[in-house]
C-alpha atoms as a PDB file:
ATOM      1  CA  UNK A   1    -111.599  35.870 -71.790  1.00  0.00           C
ATOM      2  CA  UNK A   2    -114.112  34.102 -73.940  1.00  0.00           C
ATOM      3  CA  UNK A   3    -111.937  32.321 -76.431  1.00  0.00           C
ATOM      4  CA  UNK A   4    -113.598  30.913 -79.560  1.00  0.00           C
ATOM      5  CA  UNK A   5    -111.080  30.694 -82.259  1.00  0.00           C
ATOM      6  CA  UNK A   6    -112.354  30.374 -85.629  1.00  0.00           C
ATOM      7  CA  UNK A   7    -110.219  30.377 -88.663  1.00  0.00           C
ATOM      8  CA  UNK A   8    -106.524  30.359 -88.174  1.00  0.00           C
ATOM      9  CA  UNK A   9    -104.494  32.248 -90.750  1.00  0.00           C
ATOM     10  CA  UNK A  10    -100.898  31.974 -91.522  1.00  0.00           C
ATOM     11  CA  UNK A  11     -98.886  34.787 -92.741  1.00  0.00           C
ATOM     12  CA  UNK A  12     -96.329  33.043 -95.084  1.00  0.00           C
ATOM     13  CA  UNK A  13     -93.674  35.643 -95.073  1.00  0.00           C
ATOM     14  CA  UNK A  14     -90.902  36.243 -92.571  1.00  0.00           C
ATOM     15  CA  UNK A  15     -92.095  38.716 -90.100  1.00  0.00           C
ATOM     16  CA  UNK A  16     -89.964  41.276 -87.762  1.00  0.00           C
ATOM     17  CA  UNK A  17     -90.939  39.922 -84.405  1.00  0.00           C
ATOM     18  CA  UNK A  18     -90.204  43.414 -82.837  1.00  0.00           C
ATOM     19  CA  UNK A  19     -93.752  44.079 -84.306  1.00  0.00           C
ATOM     20  CA  UNK A  20     -96.627  44.776 -81.998  1.00  0.00           C
ATOM     21  CA  UNK A  21    -100.365  44.927 -82.180  1.00  0.00           C
ATOM     22  CA  UNK A  22    -100.681  47.949 -84.611  1.00  0.00           C
ATOM     23  CA  UNK A  23     -97.985  46.696 -86.911  1.00  0.00           C
ATOM     24  CA  UNK A  24     -99.195  43.080 -87.015  1.00  0.00           C
ATOM     25  CA  UNK A  25    -102.840  44.532 -87.600  1.00  0.00           C
ATOM     26  CA  UNK A  26    -101.935  46.360 -90.723  1.00  0.00           C
ATOM     27  CA  UNK A  27    -100.160  43.131 -92.062  1.00  0.00           C
ATOM     28  CA  UNK A  28    -103.392  41.327 -91.475  1.00  0.00           C
ATOM     29  CA  UNK A  29    -105.430  43.998 -93.074  1.00  0.00           C
ATOM     30  CA  UNK A  30    -103.363  44.044 -96.228  1.00  0.00           C
ATOM     31  CA  UNK A  31    -103.037  40.021 -96.524  1.00  0.00           C
ATOM     32  CA  UNK A  32    -106.458  39.029 -95.133  1.00  0.00           C
ATOM     33  CA  UNK A  33    -108.741  41.820 -95.925  1.00  0.00           C
ATOM     34  CA  UNK A  34    -111.705  42.320 -93.348  1.00  0.00           C
ATOM     35  CA  UNK A  35    -110.497  39.450 -90.978  1.00  0.00           C
ATOM     36  CA  UNK A  36    -108.759  41.278 -88.445  1.00  0.00           C
ATOM     37  CA  UNK A  37    -111.851  41.783 -86.025  1.00  0.00           C
ATOM     38  CA  UNK A  38    -113.424  38.373 -86.883  1.00  0.00           C
ATOM     39  CA  UNK A  39    -112.044  36.354 -84.148  1.00  0.00           C
ATOM     40  CA  UNK A  40    -109.536  34.511 -86.259  1.00  0.00           C
ATOM     41  CA  UNK A  41    -106.052  33.729 -85.290  1.00  0.00           C
ATOM     42  CA  UNK A  42    -103.093  35.146 -87.305  1.00  0.00           C
ATOM     43  CA  UNK A  43    -100.060  33.264 -87.076  1.00  0.00           C
ATOM     44  CA  UNK A  44     -96.571  35.062 -87.861  1.00  0.00           C
ATOM     45  CA  UNK A  45     -92.914  33.412 -87.899  1.00  0.00           C
ATOM     46  CA  UNK A  46     -89.573  35.101 -88.067  1.00  0.00           C
ATOM     47  CA  UNK A  47     -87.142  34.618 -90.958  1.00  0.00           C
ATOM     48  CA  UNK A  48     -84.847  32.196 -88.934  1.00  0.00           C
ATOM     49  CA  UNK A  49     -88.101  30.177 -87.690  1.00  0.00           C
ATOM     50  CA  UNK A  50     -87.351  30.311 -83.881  1.00  0.00           C
ATOM     51  CA  UNK A  51     -90.156  32.741 -82.664  1.00  0.00           C
ATOM     52  CA  UNK A  52     -93.830  32.666 -83.408  1.00  0.00           C
ATOM     53  CA  UNK A  53     -96.339  35.330 -82.636  1.00  0.00           C
ATOM     54  CA  UNK A  54    -100.064  34.796 -82.869  1.00  0.00           C
ATOM     55  CA  UNK A  55    -102.425  37.679 -82.918  1.00  0.00           C
ATOM     56  CA  UNK A  56    -106.084  37.247 -81.995  1.00  0.00           C
ATOM     57  CA  UNK A  57    -108.931  39.869 -81.244  1.00  0.00           C
ATOM     58  CA  UNK A  58    -110.746  38.854 -78.048  1.00  0.00           C
ATOM     59  CA  UNK A  59    -114.195  40.859 -78.545  1.00  0.00           C
ATOM     60  CA  UNK A  60    -112.788  43.766 -76.515  1.00  0.00           C
ATOM     61  CA  UNK A  61    -108.933  44.001 -77.536  1.00  0.00           C
ATOM     62  CA  UNK A  62    -106.116  42.233 -79.203  1.00  0.00           C
ATOM     63  CA  UNK A  63    -104.101  39.432 -77.470  1.00  0.00           C
ATOM     64  CA  UNK A  64    -100.617  38.359 -78.740  1.00  0.00           C
ATOM     65  CA  UNK A  65     -99.058  35.034 -77.914  1.00  0.00           C
ATOM     66  CA  UNK A  66     -95.532  34.442 -78.326  1.00  0.00           C
ATOM     67  CA  UNK A  67     -93.085  31.347 -78.467  1.00  0.00           C
ATOM     68  CA  UNK A  68     -89.443  31.435 -78.677  1.00  0.00           C
ATOM     69  CA  UNK A  69     -87.541  28.255 -79.252  1.00  0.00           C
ATOM     70  CA  UNK A  70     -84.035  27.950 -77.379  1.00  0.00           C
ATOM     71  CA  UNK A  71     -83.036  25.210 -79.830  1.00  0.00           C
ATOM     72  CA  UNK A  72     -84.263  23.982 -83.387  1.00  0.00           C
ATOM     73  CA  UNK A  73     -86.701  25.686 -85.440  1.00  0.00           C
ATOM     74  CA  UNK A  74     -90.535  25.636 -86.133  1.00  0.00           C
ATOM     75  CA  UNK A  75     -91.451  23.355 -89.046  1.00  0.00           C
ATOM     76  CA  UNK A  76     -92.898  25.755 -91.389  1.00  0.00           C
ATOM     77  CA  UNK A  77     -93.859  23.454 -94.460  1.00  0.00           C
ATOM     78  CA  UNK A  78     -96.895  25.167 -95.760  1.00  0.00           C
ATOM     79  CA  UNK A  79     -95.324  26.823 -98.915  1.00  0.00           C
ATOM     80  CA  UNK A  80     -97.970  29.284-100.004  1.00  0.00           C
ATOM     81  CA  UNK A  81    -100.673  28.043 -97.839  1.00  0.00           C
ATOM     82  CA  UNK A  82    -102.791  30.872 -95.949  1.00  0.00           C
ATOM     83  CA  UNK A  83    -105.265  29.188 -93.981  1.00  0.00           C
ATOM     84  CA  UNK A  84    -104.223  26.363 -91.445  1.00  0.00           C
ATOM     85  CA  UNK A  85    -106.465  23.844 -89.640  1.00  0.00           C
ATOM     86  CA  UNK A  86    -106.583  23.539 -85.939  1.00  0.00           C
ATOM     87  CA  UNK A  87    -104.347  20.270 -85.886  1.00  0.00           C
ATOM     88  CA  UNK A  88    -101.606  21.819 -88.311  1.00  0.00           C
ATOM     89  CA  UNK A  89    -101.376  24.720 -85.874  1.00  0.00           C
ATOM     90  CA  UNK A  90    -101.024  22.451 -83.060  1.00  0.00           C
ATOM     91  CA  UNK A  91     -98.407  20.479 -84.753  1.00  0.00           C
ATOM     92  CA  UNK A  92     -96.697  23.597 -85.781  1.00  0.00           C
ATOM     93  CA  UNK A  93     -96.560  24.621 -82.198  1.00  0.00           C
ATOM     94  CA  UNK A  94     -95.331  21.192 -80.950  1.00  0.00           C
ATOM     95  CA  UNK A  95     -92.651  20.865 -83.583  1.00  0.00           C
ATOM     96  CA  UNK A  96     -94.081  17.942 -85.472  1.00  0.00           C
ATOM     97  CA  UNK A  97     -93.612  17.467 -89.315  1.00  0.00           C
ATOM     98  CA  UNK A  98     -96.323  15.344 -90.673  1.00  0.00           C
ATOM     99  CA  UNK A  99     -95.489  13.097 -93.881  1.00  0.00           C
ATOM    100  CA  UNK A 100     -99.100  13.084 -94.789  1.00  0.00           C
ATOM    101  CA  UNK A 101    -102.186  14.651 -93.601  1.00  0.00           C
ATOM    102  CA  UNK A 102    -105.392  12.520 -93.717  1.00  0.00           C
ATOM    103  CA  UNK A 103    -108.453  12.456 -91.855  1.00  0.00           C
ATOM    104  CA  UNK A 104    -109.998   9.178 -90.187  1.00  0.00           C
ATOM    105  CA  UNK A 105    -113.440  10.621 -90.634  1.00  0.00           C
ATOM    106  CA  UNK A 106    -114.933  14.108 -91.009  1.00  0.00           C
ATOM    107  CA  UNK A 107    -117.772  15.245 -88.616  1.00  0.00           C
ATOM    108  CA  UNK A 108    -120.582  16.945 -90.230  1.00  0.00           C
END
């Protein structure tokens, strides 16, 4: 598996976690036109924020990663935001809620 993740998109509406490849792909095509096969990751969260799925195109097929919390909820604080930075995505998975995001420096 050659994993080069580019953009990370957040589907900011509650998603039925019974959905699989085709259904999630249809949501992506409706919300992020033309990005489905671009190598981007698409993040979905259920209404109770206890389950997360990530859909990714791996050059020859789709991959789904999923995580279900036994306690607590995912801290989804991106109101209306549809594109995540890598660090925001990692913080989401780790359960970190930042008060303020600021860079020490920006690589060119």
